Protein backbone atom coordinates (compact mmCIF):
# COMPACT_ATOMS: atom_id res chain seq x y z
CA UNK A 1 28.91 83.75 -84.86
CA UNK A 2 25.17 82.90 -84.92
CA UNK A 3 23.52 81.23 -81.96
CA UNK A 4 23.03 77.44 -82.31
CA UNK A 5 19.48 76.49 -83.28
CA UNK A 6 19.47 74.01 -80.39
CA UNK A 7 20.72 75.41 -77.06
CA UNK A 8 23.85 73.71 -75.73
CA UNK A 9 22.34 73.60 -72.26
CA UNK A 10 18.92 72.55 -71.05
CA UNK A 11 17.87 71.17 -67.67
CA UNK A 12 17.26 67.72 -69.19
CA UNK A 13 20.64 67.63 -70.94
CA UNK A 14 22.48 68.81 -67.82
CA UNK A 15 20.79 66.12 -65.69
CA UNK A 16 21.36 63.43 -68.31
CA UNK A 17 25.08 64.12 -68.72
CA UNK A 18 25.57 64.51 -64.95
CA UNK A 19 23.89 61.13 -64.40
CA UNK A 20 26.16 59.54 -67.02
CA UNK A 21 29.15 60.82 -65.07
CA UNK A 22 27.74 59.52 -61.77
CA UNK A 23 26.98 56.13 -63.33
CA UNK A 24 30.52 55.91 -64.71
CA UNK A 25 32.63 57.63 -62.01
CA UNK A 26 30.49 57.64 -58.86
CA UNK A 27 29.20 60.58 -56.83
CA UNK A 28 32.70 61.82 -56.05
CA UNK A 29 33.49 61.78 -59.76
CA UNK A 30 30.92 64.47 -60.50
CA UNK A 31 32.16 68.05 -60.39
CA UNK A 32 30.74 71.13 -62.05
CA UNK A 33 34.01 71.50 -63.97
CA UNK A 34 33.88 67.92 -65.29
CA UNK A 35 30.19 68.32 -66.13
CA UNK A 36 30.85 71.55 -68.02
CA UNK A 37 33.67 69.91 -70.01
CA UNK A 38 31.40 66.99 -70.92
CA UNK A 39 28.75 69.46 -72.08
CA UNK A 40 31.29 71.48 -74.07
CA UNK A 41 30.79 74.70 -72.09
CA UNK A 42 32.56 76.70 -69.38
CA UNK A 43 31.68 75.89 -65.75
CA UNK A 44 30.31 79.41 -65.27
CA UNK A 45 27.66 78.68 -67.93
CA UNK A 46 26.17 75.95 -65.73
CA UNK A 47 25.36 78.31 -62.89
CA UNK A 48 22.66 80.00 -64.95
CA UNK A 49 20.84 76.65 -64.88
CA UNK A 50 21.97 74.99 -61.65
CA UNK A 51 22.95 76.93 -58.50
CA UNK A 52 24.84 74.16 -56.69
CA UNK A 53 25.93 70.56 -57.03
CA UNK A 54 23.40 69.63 -54.30
CA UNK A 55 20.59 71.21 -56.31
CA UNK A 56 21.73 69.25 -59.35
CA UNK A 57 21.80 65.99 -57.37
CA UNK A 58 18.32 66.69 -56.02
CA UNK A 59 17.06 67.39 -59.54
CA UNK A 60 18.61 64.11 -60.75
CA UNK A 61 17.08 62.27 -57.78
CA UNK A 62 13.63 63.68 -58.54
CA UNK A 63 13.97 62.59 -62.15
CA UNK A 64 15.06 59.04 -61.23
CA UNK A 65 12.35 58.63 -58.60
CA UNK A 66 9.52 59.93 -60.78
CA UNK A 67 8.72 56.31 -61.70
CA UNK A 68 8.12 55.21 -58.09
CA UNK A 69 4.60 53.76 -57.98
CA UNK A 70 2.42 54.70 -55.00
CA UNK A 71 -0.87 53.77 -56.68
CA UNK A 72 -1.11 50.57 -54.63
CA UNK A 73 -2.03 52.55 -51.53
CA UNK A 74 -5.44 53.12 -53.14
CA UNK A 75 -5.93 49.33 -52.85
CA UNK A 76 -4.52 48.83 -49.34
CA UNK A 77 -1.35 49.53 -47.37
CA UNK A 78 0.17 46.10 -48.10
CA UNK A 79 -0.20 46.43 -51.85
CA UNK A 80 1.05 50.01 -51.57
CA UNK A 81 4.24 48.95 -49.80
CA UNK A 82 4.92 46.16 -52.30
CA UNK A 83 4.40 48.29 -55.43
CA UNK A 84 6.32 51.20 -53.95
CA UNK A 85 9.30 49.01 -52.96
CA UNK A 86 9.47 47.18 -56.30
CA UNK A 87 9.31 50.34 -58.40
CA UNK A 88 11.73 52.17 -56.08
CA UNK A 89 14.27 49.34 -56.37
CA UNK A 90 13.87 49.21 -60.15
CA UNK A 91 14.55 52.95 -60.40
CA UNK A 92 17.60 52.78 -58.14
CA UNK A 93 19.06 49.58 -59.57
CA UNK A 94 19.66 51.36 -62.85
CA UNK A 95 21.78 53.99 -61.07
CA UNK A 96 23.34 52.43 -57.94
CA UNK A 97 26.02 55.12 -57.63
CA UNK A 98 23.43 57.72 -56.60
CA UNK A 99 21.94 55.51 -53.87
CA UNK A 100 24.22 56.88 -51.11
CA UNK A 101 22.96 60.41 -51.83
CA UNK A 102 19.32 59.28 -51.72
CA UNK A 103 19.81 57.21 -48.57
CA UNK A 104 19.88 60.38 -46.48
CA UNK A 105 16.16 60.88 -47.02
CA UNK A 106 13.91 63.05 -49.15
CA UNK A 107 15.56 66.38 -48.23
CA UNK A 108 13.45 69.15 -49.76
CA UNK A 109 12.41 67.25 -52.89
CA UNK A 110 8.69 68.01 -53.19
CA UNK A 111 7.88 64.88 -55.21
CA UNK A 112 9.63 62.62 -52.68
CA UNK A 113 7.88 64.33 -49.79
CA UNK A 114 4.51 63.93 -51.52
CA UNK A 115 5.10 60.19 -52.00
CA UNK A 116 6.23 59.82 -48.39
CA UNK A 117 3.22 61.80 -47.16
CA UNK A 118 0.89 59.50 -49.11
CA UNK A 119 2.64 56.38 -47.76
CA UNK A 120 2.60 57.70 -44.19
CA UNK A 121 -1.04 58.74 -44.45
CA UNK A 122 -2.11 55.35 -45.81
CA UNK A 123 -0.40 53.58 -42.91
CA UNK A 124 -1.92 55.89 -40.29
CA UNK A 125 -5.36 55.54 -41.90
CA UNK A 126 -4.93 51.75 -41.69
CA UNK A 127 -4.47 52.00 -37.92
CA UNK A 128 -0.72 52.30 -37.42
CA UNK A 129 0.50 55.01 -35.06
CA UNK A 130 2.46 57.88 -36.57
CA UNK A 131 5.65 56.51 -34.98
CA UNK A 132 4.98 53.03 -36.37
CA UNK A 133 4.22 54.47 -39.81
CA UNK A 134 7.57 56.29 -39.75
CA UNK A 135 9.37 53.10 -38.71
CA UNK A 136 7.62 51.07 -41.43
CA UNK A 137 8.61 53.62 -44.09
CA UNK A 138 12.20 53.58 -42.82
CA UNK A 139 12.26 49.76 -42.76
CA UNK A 140 11.00 49.63 -46.31
CA UNK A 141 13.71 52.05 -47.43
CA UNK A 142 16.41 49.94 -45.73
CA UNK A 143 15.30 46.95 -47.81
CA UNK A 144 15.10 48.99 -51.02
CA UNK A 145 18.39 50.87 -50.62
CA UNK A 146 20.29 47.81 -49.44
CA UNK A 147 19.16 45.77 -52.42
CA UNK A 148 19.85 48.56 -54.91
CA UNK A 149 23.26 49.51 -53.58
CA UNK A 150 25.10 46.31 -54.36
CA UNK A 151 24.84 42.70 -55.40
CA UNK A 152 25.48 40.16 -52.65
CA UNK A 153 25.73 37.28 -55.12
CA UNK A 154 28.26 39.04 -57.36
CA UNK A 155 30.68 39.26 -54.46
CA UNK A 156 31.62 35.58 -54.65
CA UNK A 157 34.56 34.21 -56.59
CA UNK A 158 33.74 32.10 -59.64
CA UNK A 159 36.70 29.82 -58.84
CA UNK A 160 35.52 26.61 -57.08
CA UNK A 161 38.99 26.17 -55.55
CA UNK A 162 38.33 29.17 -53.31
CA UNK A 163 35.68 27.17 -51.44
CA UNK A 164 36.38 23.47 -52.04
CA UNK A 165 37.47 21.58 -48.95
CA UNK A 166 37.48 24.71 -46.77
CA UNK A 167 33.85 25.77 -46.65
CA UNK A 168 31.64 22.68 -46.92
CA UNK A 169 28.38 24.65 -46.95
CA UNK A 170 29.65 27.00 -49.65
CA UNK A 171 30.84 24.31 -52.06
CA UNK A 172 28.60 25.77 -54.81
CA UNK A 173 29.21 29.45 -54.03
CA UNK A 174 31.30 29.79 -57.18
CA UNK A 175 28.06 29.44 -59.18
CA UNK A 176 26.45 32.51 -57.63
CA UNK A 177 27.98 35.24 -59.84
CA UNK A 178 26.43 33.62 -62.94
CA UNK A 179 22.93 33.92 -61.46
CA UNK A 180 23.50 37.13 -59.46
CA UNK A 181 20.76 39.19 -61.13
CA UNK A 182 18.09 36.54 -60.60
CA UNK A 183 19.21 35.67 -57.08
CA UNK A 184 19.43 39.31 -56.00
CA UNK A 185 15.92 39.96 -57.33
CA UNK A 186 14.51 36.89 -55.61
CA UNK A 187 16.31 37.76 -52.36
CA UNK A 188 14.77 41.24 -52.46
CA UNK A 189 11.31 39.71 -53.05
CA UNK A 190 11.81 37.30 -50.11
CA UNK A 191 12.84 40.13 -47.79
CA UNK A 192 9.96 42.33 -48.95
CA UNK A 193 7.37 39.54 -48.53
CA UNK A 194 8.72 38.69 -45.06
CA UNK A 195 8.62 42.35 -44.06
CA UNK A 196 5.03 42.90 -45.21
CA UNK A 197 3.80 39.56 -43.79
CA UNK A 198 5.54 40.30 -40.51
CA UNK A 199 3.68 43.61 -40.24
């Protein structure tokens, strides 16, 4: 049987299909066996391209985070934090199921470490101590990861009877799910602005 003109496996295709599985089934739903089946190959075929599941997750993370914008640090540290946080959240919001993996830090991902080094350096150059710069970066990530992980507004019932007469200050809470996207975005912006202004 002749070889296919287009290889069944490529790093981009492996990452893409793995991310589809994560988006659909969560991190625990991704296994090398399930990934191989989705790609139409045997699991052993994957190991010529990806050594471990952790390596695959790090490759996916690097791909997702490639759009994080750190150009604002060339303007000043405030603009850098704002652009970085907005682009980071946008990247993660498209794939919230991978957020728990990314929340543990940059691991050995060179691109993530380069962005963090630039952020840290910009803060230290602006006069923050190294400890403060680390705390600012961590604080920024708490805001980003928290906002990307879930929707606060979507967690309310759309049934007014759940609130009426029992929770007088939540008498319009049933309206929140309909505007969840907008409210979550604006809540993130409020938290980000307060964080940067507070610094």
